[in-house]
Amino acid sequence: ATRIINAKGMAVAPGFIDMHAHLDPIL
């Protein structure tokens, strides 16, 4: 592939989903 990531010794998980975030400063 264009980029290869060696994750040996690592946990690979779905990205975390934050169910309660105050995003007010996002702009």
mmCIF file of all heavy atoms, coordinates in Angstrom:
data_MODEL
# 
_entry.id   MODEL 
# 
loop_
_atom_site.group_PDB 
_atom_site.id 
_atom_site.type_symbol 
_atom_site.label_atom_id 
_atom_site.label_alt_id 
_atom_site.label_comp_id 
_atom_site.label_asym_id 
_atom_site.label_entity_id 
_atom_site.label_seq_id 
_atom_site.pdbx_PDB_ins_code 
_atom_site.Cartn_x 
_atom_site.Cartn_y 
_atom_site.Cartn_z 
_atom_site.occupancy 
_atom_site.B_iso_or_equiv 
_atom_site.pdbx_formal_charge 
_atom_site.auth_seq_id 
_atom_site.auth_comp_id 
_atom_site.auth_asym_id 
_atom_site.auth_atom_id 
_atom_site.pdbx_PDB_model_num 
ATOM 1   N N   . ALA A 1 1  ? 0.838   -1.185 0.000  1.00 0.00 ? 1  ALA A N   1 
ATOM 2   C CA  . ALA A 1 1  ? 0.000   0.000  0.000  1.00 0.00 ? 1  ALA A CA  1 
ATOM 3   C C   . ALA A 1 1  ? 0.874   1.237  0.000  1.00 0.00 ? 1  ALA A C   1 
ATOM 4   O O   . ALA A 1 1  ? 2.091   1.154  0.217  1.00 0.00 ? 1  ALA A O   1 
ATOM 5   C CB  . ALA A 1 1  ? -0.906  0.001  1.223  1.00 0.00 ? 1  ALA A CB  1 
ATOM 6   N N   . THR A 1 2  ? 0.260   2.358  -0.231 1.00 0.00 ? 2  THR A N   1 
ATOM 7   C CA  . THR A 1 2  ? 0.994   3.626  -0.197 1.00 0.00 ? 2  THR A CA  1 
ATOM 8   C C   . THR A 1 2  ? 1.616   3.853  1.170  1.00 0.00 ? 2  THR A C   1 
ATOM 9   O O   . THR A 1 2  ? 2.735   4.350  1.290  1.00 0.00 ? 2  THR A O   1 
ATOM 10  C CB  . THR A 1 2  ? 0.044   4.795  -0.535 1.00 0.00 ? 2  THR A CB  1 
ATOM 11  O OG1 . THR A 1 2  ? -0.559  4.542  -1.806 1.00 0.00 ? 2  THR A OG1 1 
ATOM 12  C CG2 . THR A 1 2  ? 0.791   6.112  -0.565 1.00 0.00 ? 2  THR A CG2 1 
ATOM 13  N N   . ARG A 1 3  ? 0.902   3.460  2.223  1.00 0.00 ? 3  ARG A N   1 
ATOM 14  C CA  . ARG A 1 3  ? 1.415   3.618  3.587  1.00 0.00 ? 3  ARG A CA  1 
ATOM 15  C C   . ARG A 1 3  ? 1.170   2.329  4.362  1.00 0.00 ? 3  ARG A C   1 
ATOM 16  O O   . ARG A 1 3  ? 0.056   1.784  4.343  1.00 0.00 ? 3  ARG A O   1 
ATOM 17  C CB  . ARG A 1 3  ? 0.718   4.784  4.286  1.00 0.00 ? 3  ARG A CB  1 
ATOM 18  C CG  . ARG A 1 3  ? 1.091   4.959  5.757  1.00 0.00 ? 3  ARG A CG  1 
ATOM 19  C CD  . ARG A 1 3  ? 2.546   5.387  5.923  1.00 0.00 ? 3  ARG A CD  1 
ATOM 20  N NE  . ARG A 1 3  ? 2.966   5.365  7.314  1.00 0.00 ? 3  ARG A NE  1 
ATOM 21  C CZ  . ARG A 1 3  ? 2.788   6.388  8.175  1.00 0.00 ? 3  ARG A CZ  1 
ATOM 22  N NH1 . ARG A 1 3  ? 2.187   7.496  7.758  1.00 0.00 ? 3  ARG A NH1 1 
ATOM 23  N NH2 . ARG A 1 3  ? 3.218   6.297  9.409  1.00 0.00 ? 3  ARG A NH2 1 
ATOM 24  N N   . ILE A 1 4  ? 2.190   1.855  5.019  1.00 0.00 ? 4  ILE A N   1 
ATOM 25  C CA  . ILE A 1 4  ? 2.077   0.652  5.845  1.00 0.00 ? 4  ILE A CA  1 
ATOM 26  C C   . ILE A 1 4  ? 2.349   1.018  7.294  1.00 0.00 ? 4  ILE A C   1 
ATOM 27  O O   . ILE A 1 4  ? 3.360   1.658  7.614  1.00 0.00 ? 4  ILE A O   1 
ATOM 28  C CB  . ILE A 1 4  ? 3.043   -0.455 5.379  1.00 0.00 ? 4  ILE A CB  1 
ATOM 29  C CG1 . ILE A 1 4  ? 2.641   -0.943 3.977  1.00 0.00 ? 4  ILE A CG1 1 
ATOM 30  C CG2 . ILE A 1 4  ? 3.048   -1.618 6.369  1.00 0.00 ? 4  ILE A CG2 1 
ATOM 31  C CD1 . ILE A 1 4  ? 3.569   -1.976 3.379  1.00 0.00 ? 4  ILE A CD1 1 
ATOM 32  N N   . ILE A 1 5  ? 1.443   0.641  8.178  1.00 0.00 ? 5  ILE A N   1 
ATOM 33  C CA  . ILE A 1 5  ? 1.577   0.869  9.610  1.00 0.00 ? 5  ILE A CA  1 
ATOM 34  C C   . ILE A 1 5  ? 1.815   -0.472 10.278 1.00 0.00 ? 5  ILE A C   1 
ATOM 35  O O   . ILE A 1 5  ? 0.998   -1.388 10.159 1.00 0.00 ? 5  ILE A O   1 
ATOM 36  C CB  . ILE A 1 5  ? 0.308   1.524  10.192 1.00 0.00 ? 5  ILE A CB  1 
ATOM 37  C CG1 . ILE A 1 5  ? 0.134   2.934  9.617  1.00 0.00 ? 5  ILE A CG1 1 
ATOM 38  C CG2 . ILE A 1 5  ? 0.360   1.570  11.714 1.00 0.00 ? 5  ILE A CG2 1 
ATOM 39  C CD1 . ILE A 1 5  ? -1.187  3.585  9.978  1.00 0.00 ? 5  ILE A CD1 1 
ATOM 40  N N   . ASN A 1 6  ? 2.926   -0.585 10.964 1.00 0.00 ? 6  ASN A N   1 
ATOM 41  C CA  . ASN A 1 6  ? 3.221   -1.815 11.707 1.00 0.00 ? 6  ASN A CA  1 
ATOM 42  C C   . ASN A 1 6  ? 2.653   -1.668 13.114 1.00 0.00 ? 6  ASN A C   1 
ATOM 43  O O   . ASN A 1 6  ? 3.161   -0.902 13.923 1.00 0.00 ? 6  ASN A O   1 
ATOM 44  C CB  . ASN A 1 6  ? 4.722   -2.074 11.762 1.00 0.00 ? 6  ASN A CB  1 
ATOM 45  C CG  . ASN A 1 6  ? 5.053   -3.395 12.448 1.00 0.00 ? 6  ASN A CG  1 
ATOM 46  O OD1 . ASN A 1 6  ? 4.165   -4.126 12.889 1.00 0.00 ? 6  ASN A OD1 1 
ATOM 47  N ND2 . ASN A 1 6  ? 6.336   -3.716 12.517 1.00 0.00 ? 6  ASN A ND2 1 
ATOM 48  N N   . ALA A 1 7  ? 1.584   -2.423 13.398 1.00 0.00 ? 7  ALA A N   1 
ATOM 49  C CA  . ALA A 1 7  ? 0.895   -2.312 14.685 1.00 0.00 ? 7  ALA A CA  1 
ATOM 50  C C   . ALA A 1 7  ? 1.257   -3.452 15.628 1.00 0.00 ? 7  ALA A C   1 
ATOM 51  O O   . ALA A 1 7  ? 0.491   -3.757 16.548 1.00 0.00 ? 7  ALA A O   1 
ATOM 52  C CB  . ALA A 1 7  ? -0.616  -2.293 14.457 1.00 0.00 ? 7  ALA A CB  1 
ATOM 53  N N   . LYS A 1 8  ? 2.409   -4.048 15.448 1.00 0.00 ? 8  LYS A N   1 
ATOM 54  C CA  . LYS A 1 8  ? 2.830   -5.144 16.317 1.00 0.00 ? 8  LYS A CA  1 
ATOM 55  C C   . LYS A 1 8  ? 2.879   -4.678 17.776 1.00 0.00 ? 8  LYS A C   1 
ATOM 56  O O   . LYS A 1 8  ? 3.455   -3.641 18.086 1.00 0.00 ? 8  LYS A O   1 
ATOM 57  C CB  . LYS A 1 8  ? 4.192   -5.682 15.893 1.00 0.00 ? 8  LYS A CB  1 
ATOM 58  C CG  . LYS A 1 8  ? 4.626   -6.933 16.651 1.00 0.00 ? 8  LYS A CG  1 
ATOM 59  C CD  . LYS A 1 8  ? 5.914   -7.488 16.082 1.00 0.00 ? 8  LYS A CD  1 
ATOM 60  C CE  . LYS A 1 8  ? 6.376   -8.732 16.842 1.00 0.00 ? 8  LYS A CE  1 
ATOM 61  N NZ  . LYS A 1 8  ? 5.389   -9.822 16.809 1.00 0.00 ? 8  LYS A NZ  1 
ATOM 62  N N   . GLY A 1 9  ? 2.249   -5.452 18.658 1.00 0.00 ? 9  GLY A N   1 
ATOM 63  C CA  . GLY A 1 9  ? 2.198   -5.092 20.066 1.00 0.00 ? 9  GLY A CA  1 
ATOM 64  C C   . GLY A 1 9  ? 1.144   -4.062 20.399 1.00 0.00 ? 9  GLY A C   1 
ATOM 65  O O   . GLY A 1 9  ? 1.028   -3.639 21.548 1.00 0.00 ? 9  GLY A O   1 
ATOM 66  N N   . MET A 1 10 ? 0.357   -3.678 19.403 1.00 0.00 ? 10 MET A N   1 
ATOM 67  C CA  . MET A 1 10 ? -0.652  -2.629 19.589 1.00 0.00 ? 10 MET A CA  1 
ATOM 68  C C   . MET A 1 10 ? -2.067  -3.213 19.511 1.00 0.00 ? 10 MET A C   1 
ATOM 69  O O   . MET A 1 10 ? -2.307  -4.231 18.866 1.00 0.00 ? 10 MET A O   1 
ATOM 70  C CB  . MET A 1 10 ? -0.519  -1.559 18.504 1.00 0.00 ? 10 MET A CB  1 
ATOM 71  C CG  . MET A 1 10 ? 0.843   -0.922 18.428 1.00 0.00 ? 10 MET A CG  1 
ATOM 72  S SD  . MET A 1 10 ? 1.112   0.267  19.748 1.00 0.00 ? 10 MET A SD  1 
ATOM 73  C CE  . MET A 1 10 ? 2.705   0.931  19.232 1.00 0.00 ? 10 MET A CE  1 
ATOM 74  N N   . ALA A 1 11 ? -2.989  -2.515 20.155 1.00 0.00 ? 11 ALA A N   1 
ATOM 75  C CA  . ALA A 1 11 ? -4.414  -2.790 19.986 1.00 0.00 ? 11 ALA A CA  1 
ATOM 76  C C   . ALA A 1 11 ? -4.924  -1.921 18.844 1.00 0.00 ? 11 ALA A C   1 
ATOM 77  O O   . ALA A 1 11 ? -4.600  -0.739 18.753 1.00 0.00 ? 11 ALA A O   1 
ATOM 78  C CB  . ALA A 1 11 ? -5.169  -2.483 21.265 1.00 0.00 ? 11 ALA A CB  1 
ATOM 79  N N   . VAL A 1 12 ? -5.715  -2.528 17.977 1.00 0.00 ? 12 VAL A N   1 
ATOM 80  C CA  . VAL A 1 12 ? -6.326  -1.811 16.862 1.00 0.00 ? 12 VAL A CA  1 
ATOM 81  C C   . VAL A 1 12 ? -7.839  -1.873 17.066 1.00 0.00 ? 12 VAL A C   1 
ATOM 82  O O   . VAL A 1 12 ? -8.417  -2.953 17.142 1.00 0.00 ? 12 VAL A O   1 
ATOM 83  C CB  . VAL A 1 12 ? -5.938  -2.431 15.507 1.00 0.00 ? 12 VAL A CB  1 
ATOM 84  C CG1 . VAL A 1 12 ? -6.562  -1.624 14.368 1.00 0.00 ? 12 VAL A CG1 1 
ATOM 85  C CG2 . VAL A 1 12 ? -4.421  -2.491 15.362 1.00 0.00 ? 12 VAL A CG2 1 
ATOM 86  N N   . ALA A 1 13 ? -8.473  -0.729 17.177 1.00 0.00 ? 13 ALA A N   1 
ATOM 87  C CA  . ALA A 1 13 ? -9.894  -0.682 17.528 1.00 0.00 ? 13 ALA A CA  1 
ATOM 88  C C   . ALA A 1 13 ? -10.619 0.319  16.639 1.00 0.00 ? 13 ALA A C   1 
ATOM 89  O O   . ALA A 1 13 ? -9.994  1.175  16.011 1.00 0.00 ? 13 ALA A O   1 
ATOM 90  C CB  . ALA A 1 13 ? -10.065 -0.281 18.994 1.00 0.00 ? 13 ALA A CB  1 
ATOM 91  N N   . PRO A 1 14 ? -11.945 0.234  16.583 1.00 0.00 ? 14 PRO A N   1 
ATOM 92  C CA  . PRO A 1 14 ? -12.682 1.298  15.901 1.00 0.00 ? 14 PRO A CA  1 
ATOM 93  C C   . PRO A 1 14 ? -12.426 2.627  16.605 1.00 0.00 ? 14 PRO A C   1 
ATOM 94  O O   . PRO A 1 14 ? -12.150 2.677  17.809 1.00 0.00 ? 14 PRO A O   1 
ATOM 95  C CB  . PRO A 1 14 ? -14.151 0.875  16.077 1.00 0.00 ? 14 PRO A CB  1 
ATOM 96  C CG  . PRO A 1 14 ? -14.118 -0.586 16.420 1.00 0.00 ? 14 PRO A CG  1 
ATOM 97  C CD  . PRO A 1 14 ? -12.838 -0.785 17.168 1.00 0.00 ? 14 PRO A CD  1 
ATOM 98  N N   . GLY A 1 15 ? -12.510 3.709  15.866 1.00 0.00 ? 15 GLY A N   1 
ATOM 99  C CA  . GLY A 1 15 ? -12.387 5.030  16.488 1.00 0.00 ? 15 GLY A CA  1 
ATOM 100 C C   . GLY A 1 15 ? -13.448 5.207  17.557 1.00 0.00 ? 15 GLY A C   1 
ATOM 101 O O   . GLY A 1 15 ? -14.585 4.748  17.412 1.00 0.00 ? 15 GLY A O   1 
ATOM 102 N N   . PHE A 1 16 ? -13.093 5.860  18.636 1.00 0.00 ? 16 PHE A N   1 
ATOM 103 C CA  . PHE A 1 16 ? -14.015 6.018  19.765 1.00 0.00 ? 16 PHE A CA  1 
ATOM 104 C C   . PHE A 1 16 ? -15.097 7.047  19.419 1.00 0.00 ? 16 PHE A C   1 
ATOM 105 O O   . PHE A 1 16 ? -14.845 8.028  18.714 1.00 0.00 ? 16 PHE A O   1 
ATOM 106 C CB  . PHE A 1 16 ? -13.251 6.447  21.014 1.00 0.00 ? 16 PHE A CB  1 
ATOM 107 C CG  . PHE A 1 16 ? -12.146 5.495  21.386 1.00 0.00 ? 16 PHE A CG  1 
ATOM 108 C CD1 . PHE A 1 16 ? -10.979 5.965  21.972 1.00 0.00 ? 16 PHE A CD1 1 
ATOM 109 C CD2 . PHE A 1 16 ? -12.250 4.124  21.143 1.00 0.00 ? 16 PHE A CD2 1 
ATOM 110 C CE1 . PHE A 1 16 ? -9.936  5.100  22.316 1.00 0.00 ? 16 PHE A CE1 1 
ATOM 111 C CE2 . PHE A 1 16 ? -11.226 3.252  21.479 1.00 0.00 ? 16 PHE A CE2 1 
ATOM 112 C CZ  . PHE A 1 16 ? -10.060 3.747  22.073 1.00 0.00 ? 16 PHE A CZ  1 
ATOM 113 N N   . ILE A 1 17 ? -16.290 6.815  19.940 1.00 0.00 ? 17 ILE A N   1 
ATOM 114 C CA  . ILE A 1 17 ? -17.441 7.681  19.703 1.00 0.00 ? 17 ILE A CA  1 
ATOM 115 C C   . ILE A 1 17 ? -17.845 8.318  21.028 1.00 0.00 ? 17 ILE A C   1 
ATOM 116 O O   . ILE A 1 17 ? -18.220 7.616  21.965 1.00 0.00 ? 17 ILE A O   1 
ATOM 117 C CB  . ILE A 1 17 ? -18.608 6.887  19.089 1.00 0.00 ? 17 ILE A CB  1 
ATOM 118 C CG1 . ILE A 1 17 ? -18.192 6.293  17.733 1.00 0.00 ? 17 ILE A CG1 1 
ATOM 119 C CG2 . ILE A 1 17 ? -19.842 7.785  18.940 1.00 0.00 ? 17 ILE A CG2 1 
ATOM 120 C CD1 . ILE A 1 17 ? -19.223 5.357  17.130 1.00 0.00 ? 17 ILE A CD1 1 
ATOM 121 N N   . ASP A 1 18 ? -17.741 9.628  21.093 1.00 0.00 ? 18 ASP A N   1 
ATOM 122 C CA  . ASP A 1 18 ? -18.060 10.375 22.313 1.00 0.00 ? 18 ASP A CA  1 
ATOM 123 C C   . ASP A 1 18 ? -19.526 10.785 22.271 1.00 0.00 ? 18 ASP A C   1 
ATOM 124 O O   . ASP A 1 18 ? -19.920 11.633 21.468 1.00 0.00 ? 18 ASP A O   1 
ATOM 125 C CB  . ASP A 1 18 ? -17.155 11.603 22.417 1.00 0.00 ? 18 ASP A CB  1 
ATOM 126 C CG  . ASP A 1 18 ? -17.304 12.339 23.740 1.00 0.00 ? 18 ASP A CG  1 
ATOM 127 O OD1 . ASP A 1 18 ? -18.255 12.027 24.484 1.00 0.00 ? 18 ASP A OD1 1 
ATOM 128 O OD2 . ASP A 1 18 ? -16.471 13.213 24.022 1.00 0.00 ? 18 ASP A OD2 1 
ATOM 129 N N   . MET A 1 19 ? -20.333 10.200 23.152 1.00 0.00 ? 19 MET A N   1 
ATOM 130 C CA  . MET A 1 19 ? -21.778 10.423 23.135 1.00 0.00 ? 19 MET A CA  1 
ATOM 131 C C   . MET A 1 19 ? -22.212 11.714 23.830 1.00 0.00 ? 19 MET A C   1 
ATOM 132 O O   . MET A 1 19 ? -23.403 12.023 23.857 1.00 0.00 ? 19 MET A O   1 
ATOM 133 C CB  . MET A 1 19 ? -22.489 9.232  23.779 1.00 0.00 ? 19 MET A CB  1 
ATOM 134 C CG  . MET A 1 19 ? -22.497 7.988  22.925 1.00 0.00 ? 19 MET A CG  1 
ATOM 135 S SD  . MET A 1 19 ? -23.491 8.180  21.433 1.00 0.00 ? 19 MET A SD  1 
ATOM 136 C CE  . MET A 1 19 ? -25.147 8.073  22.119 1.00 0.00 ? 19 MET A CE  1 
ATOM 137 N N   . HIS A 1 20 ? -21.274 12.452 24.393 1.00 0.00 ? 20 HIS A N   1 
ATOM 138 C CA  . HIS A 1 20 ? -21.639 13.703 25.080 1.00 0.00 ? 20 HIS A CA  1 
ATOM 139 C C   . HIS A 1 20 ? -20.451 14.645 25.001 1.00 0.00 ? 20 HIS A C   1 
ATOM 140 O O   . HIS A 1 20 ? -19.533 14.583 25.816 1.00 0.00 ? 20 HIS A O   1 
ATOM 141 C CB  . HIS A 1 20 ? -21.997 13.414 26.545 1.00 0.00 ? 20 HIS A CB  1 
ATOM 142 C CG  . HIS A 1 20 ? -22.478 14.607 27.306 1.00 0.00 ? 20 HIS A CG  1 
ATOM 143 N ND1 . HIS A 1 20 ? -23.635 14.597 28.041 1.00 0.00 ? 20 HIS A ND1 1 
ATOM 144 C CD2 . HIS A 1 20 ? -21.969 15.849 27.462 1.00 0.00 ? 20 HIS A CD2 1 
ATOM 145 C CE1 . HIS A 1 20 ? -23.822 15.773 28.626 1.00 0.00 ? 20 HIS A CE1 1 
ATOM 146 N NE2 . HIS A 1 20 ? -22.807 16.546 28.272 1.00 0.00 ? 20 HIS A NE2 1 
ATOM 147 N N   . ALA A 1 21 ? -20.473 15.517 24.009 1.00 0.00 ? 21 ALA A N   1 
ATOM 148 C CA  . ALA A 1 21 ? -19.352 16.444 23.816 1.00 0.00 ? 21 ALA A CA  1 
ATOM 149 C C   . ALA A 1 21 ? -19.868 17.866 23.694 1.00 0.00 ? 21 ALA A C   1 
ATOM 150 O O   . ALA A 1 21 ? -20.862 18.126 23.012 1.00 0.00 ? 21 ALA A O   1 
ATOM 151 C CB  . ALA A 1 21 ? -18.567 16.066 22.566 1.00 0.00 ? 21 ALA A CB  1 
ATOM 152 N N   . HIS A 1 22 ? -19.190 18.780 24.362 1.00 0.00 ? 22 HIS A N   1 
ATOM 153 C CA  . HIS A 1 22 ? -19.514 20.205 24.253 1.00 0.00 ? 22 HIS A CA  1 
ATOM 154 C C   . HIS A 1 22 ? -18.627 20.786 23.155 1.00 0.00 ? 22 HIS A C   1 
ATOM 155 O O   . HIS A 1 22 ? -17.463 21.115 23.386 1.00 0.00 ? 22 HIS A O   1 
ATOM 156 C CB  . HIS A 1 22 ? -19.308 20.897 25.596 1.00 0.00 ? 22 HIS A CB  1 
ATOM 157 C CG  . HIS A 1 22 ? -20.322 20.493 26.618 1.00 0.00 ? 22 HIS A CG  1 
ATOM 158 N ND1 . HIS A 1 22 ? -21.537 21.125 26.749 1.00 0.00 ? 22 HIS A ND1 1 
ATOM 159 C CD2 . HIS A 1 22 ? -20.319 19.489 27.530 1.00 0.00 ? 22 HIS A CD2 1 
ATOM 160 C CE1 . HIS A 1 22 ? -22.243 20.545 27.713 1.00 0.00 ? 22 HIS A CE1 1 
ATOM 161 N NE2 . HIS A 1 22 ? -21.521 19.543 28.202 1.00 0.00 ? 22 HIS A NE2 1 
ATOM 162 N N   . LEU A 1 23 ? -19.205 20.887 21.976 1.00 0.00 ? 23 LEU A N   1 
ATOM 163 C CA  . LEU A 1 23 ? -18.446 21.271 20.792 1.00 0.00 ? 23 LEU A CA  1 
ATOM 164 C C   . LEU A 1 23 ? -18.514 22.769 20.502 1.00 0.00 ? 23 LEU A C   1 
ATOM 165 O O   . LEU A 1 23 ? -18.108 23.216 19.425 1.00 0.00 ? 23 LEU A O   1 
ATOM 166 C CB  . LEU A 1 23 ? -18.987 20.500 19.571 1.00 0.00 ? 23 LEU A CB  1 
ATOM 167 C CG  . LEU A 1 23 ? -18.944 18.970 19.688 1.00 0.00 ? 23 LEU A CG  1 
ATOM 168 C CD1 . LEU A 1 23 ? -19.592 18.326 18.461 1.00 0.00 ? 23 LEU A CD1 1 
ATOM 169 C CD2 . LEU A 1 23 ? -17.501 18.481 19.836 1.00 0.00 ? 23 LEU A CD2 1 
ATOM 170 N N   . ASP A 1 24 ? -18.980 23.548 21.480 1.00 0.00 ? 24 ASP A N   1 
ATOM 171 C CA  . ASP A 1 24 ? -19.221 24.976 21.270 1.00 0.00 ? 24 ASP A CA  1 
ATOM 172 C C   . ASP A 1 24 ? -18.049 25.713 20.612 1.00 0.00 ? 24 ASP A C   1 
ATOM 173 O O   . ASP A 1 24 ? -18.283 26.568 19.742 1.00 0.00 ? 24 ASP A O   1 
ATOM 174 C CB  . ASP A 1 24 ? -19.556 25.664 22.602 1.00 0.00 ? 24 ASP A CB  1 
ATOM 175 C CG  . ASP A 1 24 ? -20.620 24.916 23.399 1.00 0.00 ? 24 ASP A CG  1 
ATOM 176 O OD1 . ASP A 1 24 ? -20.534 23.684 23.480 1.00 0.00 ? 24 ASP A OD1 1 
ATOM 177 O OD2 . ASP A 1 24 ? -21.523 25.563 23.939 1.00 0.00 ? 24 ASP A OD2 1 
ATOM 178 N N   . PRO A 1 25 ? -16.782 25.440 20.979 1.00 0.00 ? 25 PRO A N   1 
ATOM 179 C CA  . PRO A 1 25 ? -15.681 26.220 20.372 1.00 0.00 ? 25 PRO A CA  1 
ATOM 180 C C   . PRO A 1 25 ? -15.252 25.697 19.001 1.00 0.00 ? 25 PRO A C   1 
ATOM 181 O O   . PRO A 1 25 ? -14.185 26.067 18.521 1.00 0.00 ? 25 PRO A O   1 
ATOM 182 C CB  . PRO A 1 25 ? -14.533 26.047 21.391 1.00 0.00 ? 25 PRO A CB  1 
ATOM 183 C CG  . PRO A 1 25 ? -15.088 25.301 22.554 1.00 0.00 ? 25 PRO A CG  1 
ATOM 184 C CD  . PRO A 1 25 ? -16.282 24.562 22.048 1.00 0.00 ? 25 PRO A CD  1 
ATOM 185 N N   . ILE A 1 26 ? -16.047 24.855 18.347 1.00 0.00 ? 26 ILE A N   1 
ATOM 186 C CA  . ILE A 1 26 ? -15.575 24.146 17.160 1.00 0.00 ? 26 ILE A CA  1 
ATOM 187 C C   . ILE A 1 26 ? -15.280 25.074 15.983 1.00 0.00 ? 26 ILE A C   1 
ATOM 188 O O   . ILE A 1 26 ? -14.453 24.748 15.129 1.00 0.00 ? 26 ILE A O   1 
ATOM 189 C CB  . ILE A 1 26 ? -16.582 23.040 16.749 1.00 0.00 ? 26 ILE A CB  1 
ATOM 190 C CG1 . ILE A 1 26 ? -15.914 22.034 15.805 1.00 0.00 ? 26 ILE A CG1 1 
ATOM 191 C CG2 . ILE A 1 26 ? -17.862 23.628 16.166 1.00 0.00 ? 26 ILE A CG2 1 
ATOM 192 C CD1 . ILE A 1 26 ? -16.677 20.747 15.616 1.00 0.00 ? 26 ILE A CD1 1 
ATOM 193 N N   . LEU A 1 27 ? -15.909 26.225 15.936 1.00 0.00 ? 27 LEU A N   1 
ATOM 194 C CA  . LEU A 1 27 ? -15.624 27.138 14.823 1.00 0.00 ? 27 LEU A CA  1 
ATOM 195 C C   . LEU A 1 27 ? -14.204 27.687 14.893 1.00 0.00 ? 27 LEU A C   1 
ATOM 196 O O   . LEU A 1 27 ? -13.607 28.024 13.865 1.00 0.00 ? 27 LEU A O   1 
ATOM 197 C CB  . LEU A 1 27 ? -16.637 28.290 14.806 1.00 0.00 ? 27 LEU A CB  1 
ATOM 198 C CG  . LEU A 1 27 ? -18.085 27.891 14.497 1.00 0.00 ? 27 LEU A CG  1 
ATOM 199 C CD1 . LEU A 1 27 ? -19.000 29.104 14.582 1.00 0.00 ? 27 LEU A CD1 1 
ATOM 200 C CD2 . LEU A 1 27 ? -18.202 27.223 13.136 1.00 0.00 ? 27 LEU A CD2 1 
# 
